[in-house]
C-alpha atoms as a PDB file:
ATOM      1  CA  MET A   1     -12.571 -54.236 -83.680  1.00  0.00           C
ATOM      2  CA  THR A   2     -14.012 -57.717 -83.894  1.00  0.00           C
ATOM      3  CA  GLY A   3     -12.869 -61.025 -82.470  1.00  0.00           C
ATOM      4  CA  GLU A   4     -11.590 -61.853 -85.941  1.00  0.00           C
ATOM      5  CA  GLU A   5      -9.443 -58.708 -86.021  1.00  0.00           C
ATOM      6  CA  LEU A   6      -8.246 -59.203 -82.452  1.00  0.00           C
ATOM      7  CA  ALA A   7      -7.267 -62.867 -82.889  1.00  0.00           C
ATOM      8  CA  PRO A   8      -3.885 -62.301 -84.629  1.00  0.00           C
ATOM      9  CA  VAL A   9      -2.946 -59.612 -82.083  1.00  0.00           C
ATOM     10  CA  MET A  10      -3.829 -61.898 -79.181  1.00  0.00           C
ATOM     11  CA  HIS A  11      -1.934 -64.805 -80.741  1.00  0.00           C
ATOM     12  CA  GLU A  12       1.278 -62.798 -81.090  1.00  0.00           C
ATOM     13  CA  ALA A  13       0.883 -61.365 -77.574  1.00  0.00           C
ATOM     14  CA  TYR A  14       0.406 -64.859 -76.149  1.00  0.00           C
ATOM     15  CA  LEU A  15       3.509 -66.180 -77.902  1.00  0.00           C
ATOM     16  CA  GLU A  16       5.588 -63.223 -76.687  1.00  0.00           C
ATOM     17  CA  CYS A  17       4.395 -63.615 -73.089  1.00  0.00           C
ATOM     18  CA  ALA A  18       4.910 -67.387 -73.121  1.00  0.00           C
ATOM     19  CA  ARG A  19       8.465 -66.968 -74.381  1.00  0.00           C
ATOM     20  CA  ARG A  20       9.269 -64.312 -71.789  1.00  0.00           C
ATOM     21  CA  VAL A  21       8.139 -66.436 -68.856  1.00  0.00           C
ATOM     22  CA  GLY A  22       9.456 -69.693 -70.263  1.00  0.00           C
ATOM     23  CA  TRP A  23       6.146 -71.489 -70.782  1.00  0.00           C
ATOM     24  CA  PRO A  24       6.225 -74.427 -73.160  1.00  0.00           C
ATOM     25  CA  ILE A  25       4.537 -73.650 -76.479  1.00  0.00           C
ATOM     26  CA  ARG A  26       3.021 -76.437 -78.527  1.00  0.00           C
ATOM     27  CA  PRO A  27       4.668 -76.563 -81.970  1.00  0.00           C
ATOM     28  CA  GLU A  28       1.359 -76.312 -83.819  1.00  0.00           C
ATOM     29  CA  ILE A  29       0.690 -72.878 -82.341  1.00  0.00           C
ATOM     30  CA  ASP A  30       4.277 -71.610 -82.376  1.00  0.00           C
ATOM     31  CA  VAL A  31       3.733 -70.136 -85.832  1.00  0.00           C
ATOM     32  CA  PRO A  32       2.447 -66.810 -87.157  1.00  0.00           C
ATOM     33  CA  PHE A  33      -1.351 -66.554 -87.017  1.00  0.00           C
ATOM     34  CA  GLU A  34      -1.754 -66.802 -90.786  1.00  0.00           C
ATOM     35  CA  HIS A  35       0.021 -70.204 -90.768  1.00  0.00           C
ATOM     36  CA  MET A  36      -2.173 -71.741 -88.076  1.00  0.00           C
ATOM     37  CA  SER A  37      -4.791 -74.368 -88.874  1.00  0.00           C
ATOM     38  CA  GLU A  38      -8.320 -73.103 -89.510  1.00  0.00           C
ATOM     39  CA  ASN A  39      -9.537 -74.776 -86.296  1.00  0.00           C
ATOM     40  CA  ALA A  40      -6.894 -72.969 -84.226  1.00  0.00           C
ATOM     41  CA  LYS A  41      -7.689 -69.664 -85.949  1.00  0.00           C
ATOM     42  CA  GLU A  42     -11.395 -70.114 -85.239  1.00  0.00           C
ATOM     43  CA  LEU A  43     -10.645 -70.802 -81.578  1.00  0.00           C
ATOM     44  CA  ASP A  44      -8.522 -67.620 -81.338  1.00  0.00           C
ATOM     45  CA  ARG A  45     -11.314 -65.629 -83.026  1.00  0.00           C
ATOM     46  CA  ALA A  46     -13.859 -66.935 -80.528  1.00  0.00           C
ATOM     47  CA  ILE A  47     -11.555 -66.117 -77.619  1.00  0.00           C
ATOM     48  CA  GLY A  48     -11.037 -62.620 -79.042  1.00  0.00           C
ATOM     49  CA  ALA A  49     -14.793 -62.048 -79.279  1.00  0.00           C
ATOM     50  CA  ALA A  50     -15.271 -63.313 -75.715  1.00  0.00           C
ATOM     51  CA  VAL A  51     -12.494 -61.071 -74.375  1.00  0.00           C
ATOM     52  CA  LEU A  52     -14.005 -58.012 -76.037  1.00  0.00           C
ATOM     53  CA  ALA A  53     -17.481 -58.845 -74.735  1.00  0.00           C
ATOM     54  CA  ALA A  54     -16.123 -59.373 -71.209  1.00  0.00           C
ATOM     55  CA  LEU A  55     -14.348 -56.020 -71.311  1.00  0.00           C
ATOM     56  CA  ALA A  56     -17.577 -54.319 -72.318  1.00  0.00           C
ATOM     57  CA  ARG A  57     -19.508 -56.008 -69.494  1.00  0.00           C
ATOM     58  CA  GLU A  58     -16.858 -55.329 -66.861  1.00  0.00           C
ATOM     59  CA  ARG A  59     -16.651 -51.657 -67.688  1.00  0.00           C
ATOM     60  CA  GLY A  60     -20.433 -51.460 -67.346  1.00  0.00           C
ATOM     61  CA  GLU A  61     -20.622 -48.871 -70.059  1.00  0.00           C
ATOM     62  CA  ALA A  62     -23.265 -48.619 -72.744  1.00  0.00           C
ATOM     63  CA  ILE A  63     -21.210 -49.786 -75.656  1.00  0.00           C
ATOM     64  CA  ASP A  64     -22.786 -51.089 -78.834  1.00  0.00           C
ATOM     65  CA  THR A  65     -19.983 -53.433 -79.764  1.00  0.00           C
ATOM     66  CA  ALA A  66     -17.005 -54.961 -78.081  1.00  0.00           C
ATOM     67  CA  GLY A  67     -14.920 -53.349 -80.817  1.00  0.00           C
ATOM     68  CA  GLU A  68     -16.082 -49.947 -79.651  1.00  0.00           C
ATOM     69  CA  MET A  69     -14.881 -50.895 -76.172  1.00  0.00           C
ATOM     70  CA  LEU A  70     -11.469 -51.872 -77.466  1.00  0.00           C
ATOM     71  CA  GLY A  71     -11.294 -48.591 -79.368  1.00  0.00           C
ATOM     72  CA  LYS A  72     -12.001 -46.691 -76.140  1.00  0.00           C
ATOM     73  CA  LEU A  73      -9.330 -48.653 -74.295  1.00  0.00           C
ATOM     74  CA  LEU A  74      -6.793 -47.995 -77.044  1.00  0.00           C
ATOM     75  CA  ASP A  75      -7.637 -44.266 -76.960  1.00  0.00           C
ATOM     76  CA  GLU A  76      -7.185 -44.213 -73.179  1.00  0.00           C
ATOM     77  CA  ASN A  77      -3.868 -46.025 -73.532  1.00  0.00           C
ATOM     78  CA  THR A  78      -2.693 -43.505 -76.142  1.00  0.00           C
ATOM     79  CA  ALA A  79      -3.684 -40.590 -73.908  1.00  0.00           C
ATOM     80  CA  LEU A  80      -1.819 -42.090 -70.943  1.00  0.00           C
ATOM     81  CA  ARG A  81       1.290 -42.680 -73.035  1.00  0.00           C
ATOM     82  CA  GLU A  82       1.203 -39.080 -74.290  1.00  0.00           C
ATOM     83  CA  ARG A  83       0.833 -37.788 -70.731  1.00  0.00           C
ATOM     84  CA  GLY A  84       3.756 -39.965 -69.656  1.00  0.00           C
ATOM     85  CA  ASP A  85       5.853 -38.560 -72.497  1.00  0.00           C
ATOM     86  CA  ARG A  86       5.009 -34.978 -71.425  1.00  0.00           C
ATOM     87  CA  LEU A  87       5.944 -35.737 -67.828  1.00  0.00           C
ATOM     88  CA  LYS A  88       9.203 -37.363 -68.881  1.00  0.00           C
ATOM     89  CA  GLU A  89      10.140 -34.375 -71.038  1.00  0.00           C
ATOM     90  CA  ALA A  90       9.307 -31.979 -68.185  1.00  0.00           C
ATOM     91  CA  ILE A  91      11.519 -33.934 -65.804  1.00  0.00           C
ATOM     92  CA  LEU A  92      14.362 -34.028 -68.323  1.00  0.00           C
ATOM     93  CA  TRP A  93      14.017 -30.250 -68.751  1.00  0.00           C
ATOM     94  CA  ALA A  94      14.161 -29.765 -64.973  1.00  0.00           C
ATOM     95  CA  LEU A  95      17.300 -31.904 -64.873  1.00  0.00           C
ATOM     96  CA  GLY A  96      18.891 -29.692 -67.509  1.00  0.00           C
ATOM     97  CA  ARG A  97      18.857 -32.312 -70.259  1.00  0.00           C
ATOM     98  CA  ARG A  98      16.390 -30.559 -72.589  1.00  0.00           C
ATOM     99  CA  ASP A  99      16.493 -27.011 -73.897  1.00  0.00           C
ATOM    100  CA  GLU A 100      18.315 -24.355 -71.956  1.00  0.00           C
ATOM    101  CA  PHE A 101      17.518 -24.383 -68.260  1.00  0.00           C
ATOM    102  CA  PRO A 102      17.366 -20.665 -67.495  1.00  0.00           C
ATOM    103  CA  PRO A 103      19.426 -19.332 -64.607  1.00  0.00           C
ATOM    104  CA  ARG A 104      17.697 -17.840 -61.589  1.00  0.00           C
ATOM    105  CA  GLN A 105      17.120 -14.112 -62.001  1.00  0.00           C
ATOM    106  CA  PRO A 106      17.451 -11.508 -59.247  1.00  0.00           C
ATOM    107  CA  GLY A 107      14.289 -11.326 -57.173  1.00  0.00           C
ATOM    108  CA  GLN A 108      13.102 -14.804 -58.030  1.00  0.00           C
ATOM    109  CA  GLY A 109      12.377 -17.093 -55.093  1.00  0.00           C
ATOM    110  CA  ALA A 110      14.098 -20.384 -54.340  1.00  0.00           C
ATOM    111  CA  TYR A 111      11.560 -22.366 -56.365  1.00  0.00           C
ATOM    112  CA  TRP A 112      11.300 -20.034 -59.365  1.00  0.00           C
ATOM    113  CA  TRP A 113      11.426 -22.952 -61.837  1.00  0.00           C
ATOM    114  CA  ARG A 114       8.228 -24.632 -60.592  1.00  0.00           C
ATOM    115  CA  ARG A 115       5.865 -22.589 -62.764  1.00  0.00           C
ATOM    116  CA  GLU A 116       7.733 -23.553 -65.956  1.00  0.00           C
ATOM    117  CA  LEU A 117       7.923 -27.187 -64.865  1.00  0.00           C
ATOM    118  CA  GLY A 118       4.164 -27.199 -64.283  1.00  0.00           C
ATOM    119  CA  LYS A 119       3.531 -25.760 -67.756  1.00  0.00           C
ATOM    120  CA  ARG A 120       5.827 -28.287 -69.417  1.00  0.00           C
ATOM    121  CA  ALA A 121       4.215 -31.162 -67.491  1.00  0.00           C
ATOM    122  CA  ASP A 122       0.746 -29.793 -68.314  1.00  0.00           C
ATOM    123  CA  LEU A 123      -0.117 -29.580 -64.628  1.00  0.00           C
ATOM    124  CA  ASP A 124      -2.142 -26.951 -62.817  1.00  0.00           C
ATOM    125  CA  ALA A 125       0.511 -24.811 -61.105  1.00  0.00           C
ATOM    126  CA  THR A 126      -1.834 -23.884 -58.215  1.00  0.00           C
ATOM    127  CA  ARG A 127      -1.934 -27.366 -56.652  1.00  0.00           C
END
């Protein structure tokens, strides 16, 4: 991703954040990115490029482009969201809100359900 590609995303994110916290927004920037003046667009593109470069430097990783850094961050974010979804589903199962929560069978200990919960949460059951 380049600063040019990031600029519209940053612009929309800024407007959303400003509205949520009640910051005043100048009328000339309170428009979709494509309707902004060329000077304002160029400024957002430059800020986007600087943000990507700063991320690459801060992470201290050998990354050829700032866009590659953003791609890595997006991949990490996706992985964390997927893990969160798995954990949520495992908890809902344990609460009896997903699938059939099997009854305890004769001979099973008090915490018989832990092994299945660990599998559903994708956790190592030996910890």
